[in-house]
């Protein structure tokens, strides 16, 4: 859940789940995904 805002000109967000956990943790693996953002009104290229 994200209840904030993203400043204009931001080109990428990082989604982080279970920060600090190793990726091979069977109970709650850590995961970090980079999410590129397109400029509003742009083509995304």
PDB file of N, CA and C in Angstrom:
ATOM      1  N   UNK A   1       0.845  -1.154   0.000  1.00  0.00           N
ATOM      2  CA  UNK A   1       0.000   0.000   0.000  1.00  0.00           C
ATOM      3  C   UNK A   1       0.900   1.228   0.000  1.00  0.00           C
ATOM      4  N   UNK A   2       0.595   2.184  -0.839  1.00  0.00           N
ATOM      5  CA  UNK A   2       1.371   3.417  -0.941  1.00  0.00           C
ATOM      6  C   UNK A   2       0.419   4.590  -0.785  1.00  0.00           C
ATOM      7  N   UNK A   3       0.573   5.323   0.299  1.00  0.00           N
ATOM      8  CA  UNK A   3      -0.335   6.432   0.564  1.00  0.00           C
ATOM      9  C   UNK A   3       0.326   7.785   0.360  1.00  0.00           C
ATOM     10  N   UNK A   4       1.439   7.799  -0.336  1.00  0.00           N
ATOM     11  CA  UNK A   4       2.166   9.045  -0.540  1.00  0.00           C
ATOM     12  C   UNK A   4       2.020   9.557  -1.957  1.00  0.00           C
ATOM     13  N   UNK A   5       2.941  10.401  -2.324  1.00  0.00           N
ATOM     14  CA  UNK A   5       2.969  10.924  -3.683  1.00  0.00           C
ATOM     15  C   UNK A   5       4.381  10.772  -4.226  1.00  0.00           C
ATOM     16  N   UNK A   6       4.488  10.855  -5.525  1.00  0.00           N
ATOM     17  CA  UNK A   6       5.778  10.738  -6.199  1.00  0.00           C
ATOM     18  C   UNK A   6       6.119  12.102  -6.772  1.00  0.00           C
ATOM     19  N   UNK A   7       7.291  12.637  -6.443  1.00  0.00           N
ATOM     20  CA  UNK A   7       7.660  13.949  -6.967  1.00  0.00           C
ATOM     21  C   UNK A   7       7.723  13.953  -8.495  1.00  0.00           C
ATOM     22  N   UNK A   8       7.348  15.064  -9.118  1.00  0.00           N
ATOM     23  CA  UNK A   8       7.454  15.169 -10.580  1.00  0.00           C
ATOM     24  C   UNK A   8       8.889  14.896 -11.031  1.00  0.00           C
ATOM     25  N   UNK A   9       9.020  14.228 -12.139  1.00  0.00           N
ATOM     26  CA  UNK A   9      10.345  13.945 -12.691  1.00  0.00           C
ATOM     27  C   UNK A   9      10.957  12.645 -12.191  1.00  0.00           C
ATOM     28  N   UNK A  10      10.280  11.961 -11.270  1.00  0.00           N
ATOM     29  CA  UNK A  10      10.788  10.683 -10.785  1.00  0.00           C
ATOM     30  C   UNK A  10      10.733   9.671 -11.919  1.00  0.00           C
ATOM     31  N   UNK A  11      11.820   8.965 -12.149  1.00  0.00           N
ATOM     32  CA  UNK A  11      11.880   8.027 -13.270  1.00  0.00           C
ATOM     33  C   UNK A  11      11.809   6.568 -12.839  1.00  0.00           C
ATOM     34  N   UNK A  12      11.970   6.307 -11.511  1.00  0.00           N
ATOM     35  CA  UNK A  12      11.979   4.922 -11.064  1.00  0.00           C
ATOM     36  C   UNK A  12      11.604   4.839  -9.585  1.00  0.00           C
ATOM     37  N   UNK A  13      10.825   3.810  -9.245  1.00  0.00           N
ATOM     38  CA  UNK A  13      10.516   3.489  -7.855  1.00  0.00           C
ATOM     39  C   UNK A  13      11.071   2.100  -7.567  1.00  0.00           C
ATOM     40  N   UNK A  14      11.336   1.829  -6.292  1.00  0.00           N
ATOM     41  CA  UNK A  14      11.769   0.494  -5.904  1.00  0.00           C
ATOM     42  C   UNK A  14      10.764  -0.070  -4.911  1.00  0.00           C
ATOM     43  N   UNK A  15      10.163  -1.198  -5.266  1.00  0.00           N
ATOM     44  CA  UNK A  15       9.230  -1.912  -4.406  1.00  0.00           C
ATOM     45  C   UNK A  15      10.054  -2.873  -3.556  1.00  0.00           C
ATOM     46  N   UNK A  16       9.968  -2.734  -2.225  1.00  0.00           N
ATOM     47  CA  UNK A  16      10.754  -3.575  -1.316  1.00  0.00           C
ATOM     48  C   UNK A  16       9.805  -4.338  -0.406  1.00  0.00           C
ATOM     49  N   UNK A  17       9.954  -5.662  -0.400  1.00  0.00           N
ATOM     50  CA  UNK A  17       9.172  -6.529   0.476  1.00  0.00           C
ATOM     51  C   UNK A  17      10.127  -7.254   1.420  1.00  0.00           C
ATOM     52  N   UNK A  18       9.799  -7.252   2.704  1.00  0.00           N
ATOM     53  CA  UNK A  18      10.619  -7.919   3.720  1.00  0.00           C
ATOM     54  C   UNK A  18      12.056  -7.415   3.699  1.00  0.00           C
ATOM     55  N   UNK A  19      12.203  -6.124   3.824  1.00  0.00           N
ATOM     56  CA  UNK A  19      13.516  -5.489   3.825  1.00  0.00           C
ATOM     57  C   UNK A  19      14.419  -6.119   4.885  1.00  0.00           C
ATOM     58  N   UNK A  20      15.617  -6.468   4.499  1.00  0.00           N
ATOM     59  CA  UNK A  20      16.584  -7.052   5.417  1.00  0.00           C
ATOM     60  C   UNK A  20      16.596  -8.568   5.416  1.00  0.00           C
ATOM     61  N   UNK A  21      15.589  -9.208   4.819  1.00  0.00           N
ATOM     62  CA  UNK A  21      15.564 -10.671   4.739  1.00  0.00           C
ATOM     63  C   UNK A  21      16.333 -11.123   3.506  1.00  0.00           C
ATOM     64  N   UNK A  22      16.958 -12.286   3.613  1.00  0.00           N
ATOM     65  CA  UNK A  22      17.665 -12.868   2.473  1.00  0.00           C
ATOM     66  C   UNK A  22      16.654 -13.405   1.462  1.00  0.00           C
ATOM     67  N   UNK A  23      17.048 -13.469   0.208  1.00  0.00           N
ATOM     68  CA  UNK A  23      16.135 -13.927  -0.843  1.00  0.00           C
ATOM     69  C   UNK A  23      15.787 -15.405  -0.723  1.00  0.00           C
ATOM     70  N   UNK A  24      16.619 -16.180   0.004  1.00  0.00           N
ATOM     71  CA  UNK A  24      16.344 -17.610   0.154  1.00  0.00           C
ATOM     72  C   UNK A  24      15.673 -17.946   1.493  1.00  0.00           C
ATOM     73  N   UNK A  25      15.183 -16.948   2.211  1.00  0.00           N
ATOM     74  CA  UNK A  25      14.486 -17.160   3.472  1.00  0.00           C
ATOM     75  C   UNK A  25      13.118 -17.778   3.168  1.00  0.00           C
ATOM     76  N   UNK A  26      12.877 -19.013   3.627  1.00  0.00           N
ATOM     77  CA  UNK A  26      11.636 -19.717   3.284  1.00  0.00           C
ATOM     78  C   UNK A  26      10.415 -19.164   4.010  1.00  0.00           C
ATOM     79  N   UNK A  27      10.602 -18.430   5.090  1.00  0.00           N
ATOM     80  CA  UNK A  27       9.472 -17.871   5.836  1.00  0.00           C
ATOM     81  C   UNK A  27       9.027 -16.528   5.257  1.00  0.00           C
ATOM     82  N   UNK A  28       9.963 -15.694   4.906  1.00  0.00           N
ATOM     83  CA  UNK A  28       9.634 -14.378   4.358  1.00  0.00           C
ATOM     84  C   UNK A  28      10.788 -13.857   3.531  1.00  0.00           C
ATOM     85  N   UNK A  29      10.901 -14.329   2.290  1.00  0.00           N
ATOM     86  CA  UNK A  29      12.040 -13.919   1.463  1.00  0.00           C
ATOM     87  C   UNK A  29      12.026 -12.423   1.151  1.00  0.00           C
ATOM     88  N   UNK A  30      13.212 -11.850   1.138  1.00  0.00           N
ATOM     89  CA  UNK A  30      13.352 -10.447   0.762  1.00  0.00           C
ATOM     90  C   UNK A  30      13.277 -10.295  -0.739  1.00  0.00           C
ATOM     91  N   UNK A  31      12.681  -9.206  -1.172  1.00  0.00           N
ATOM     92  CA  UNK A  31      12.518  -8.967  -2.603  1.00  0.00           C
ATOM     93  C   UNK A  31      12.571  -7.477  -2.863  1.00  0.00           C
ATOM     94  N   UNK A  32      13.299  -7.096  -3.886  1.00  0.00           N
ATOM     95  CA  UNK A  32      13.397  -5.692  -4.289  1.00  0.00           C
ATOM     96  C   UNK A  32      13.216  -5.629  -5.797  1.00  0.00           C
ATOM     97  N   UNK A  33      12.219  -4.862  -6.242  1.00  0.00           N
ATOM     98  CA  UNK A  33      11.913  -4.763  -7.676  1.00  0.00           C
ATOM     99  C   UNK A  33      11.951  -3.297  -8.101  1.00  0.00           C
ATOM    100  N   UNK A  34      12.740  -2.991  -9.102  1.00  0.00           N
ATOM    101  CA  UNK A  34      12.791  -1.633  -9.650  1.00  0.00           C
ATOM    102  C   UNK A  34      11.653  -1.467 -10.655  1.00  0.00           C
ATOM    103  N   UNK A  35      10.900  -0.377 -10.488  1.00  0.00           N
ATOM    104  CA  UNK A  35       9.747  -0.112 -11.352  1.00  0.00           C
ATOM    105  C   UNK A  35       9.977   1.181 -12.130  1.00  0.00           C
ATOM    106  N   UNK A  36      10.271   1.079 -13.421  1.00  0.00           N
ATOM    107  CA  UNK A  36      10.447   2.297 -14.213  1.00  0.00           C
ATOM    108  C   UNK A  36       9.119   3.027 -14.381  1.00  0.00           C
ATOM    109  N   UNK A  37       9.167   4.334 -14.357  1.00  0.00           N
ATOM    110  CA  UNK A  37       7.965   5.150 -14.528  1.00  0.00           C
ATOM    111  C   UNK A  37       8.055   5.928 -15.839  1.00  0.00           C
ATOM    112  N   UNK A  38       6.951   6.018 -16.520  1.00  0.00           N
ATOM    113  CA  UNK A  38       6.890   6.816 -17.747  1.00  0.00           C
ATOM    114  C   UNK A  38       6.501   8.244 -17.378  1.00  0.00           C
ATOM    115  N   UNK A  39       6.950   9.199 -18.137  1.00  0.00           N
ATOM    116  CA  UNK A  39       6.574  10.590 -17.939  1.00  0.00           C
ATOM    117  C   UNK A  39       5.122  10.753 -18.354  1.00  0.00           C
ATOM    118  N   UNK A  40       4.343  11.448 -17.546  1.00  0.00           N
ATOM    119  CA  UNK A  40       2.922  11.672 -17.865  1.00  0.00           C
ATOM    120  C   UNK A  40       2.809  12.314 -19.246  1.00  0.00           C
ATOM    121  N   UNK A  41       1.983  11.732 -20.065  1.00  0.00           N
ATOM    122  CA  UNK A  41       1.780  12.260 -21.403  1.00  0.00           C
ATOM    123  C   UNK A  41       2.857  11.836 -22.386  1.00  0.00           C
ATOM    124  N   UNK A  42       3.851  11.096 -21.896  1.00  0.00           N
ATOM    125  CA  UNK A  42       4.960  10.667 -22.764  1.00  0.00           C
ATOM    126  C   UNK A  42       4.683   9.311 -23.366  1.00  0.00           C
ATOM    127  N   UNK A  43       5.634   8.828 -24.116  1.00  0.00           N
ATOM    128  CA  UNK A  43       5.492   7.539 -24.782  1.00  0.00           C
ATOM    129  C   UNK A  43       6.103   6.424 -23.978  1.00  0.00           C
ATOM    130  N   UNK A  44       6.875   6.752 -22.940  1.00  0.00           N
ATOM    131  CA  UNK A  44       7.501   5.729 -22.117  1.00  0.00           C
ATOM    132  C   UNK A  44       8.790   5.199 -22.697  1.00  0.00           C
ATOM    133  N   UNK A  45       9.302   5.817 -23.738  1.00  0.00           N
ATOM    134  CA  UNK A  45      10.551   5.337 -24.339  1.00  0.00           C
ATOM    135  C   UNK A  45      11.683   6.263 -24.016  1.00  0.00           C
TER     136      UNK A  45
END
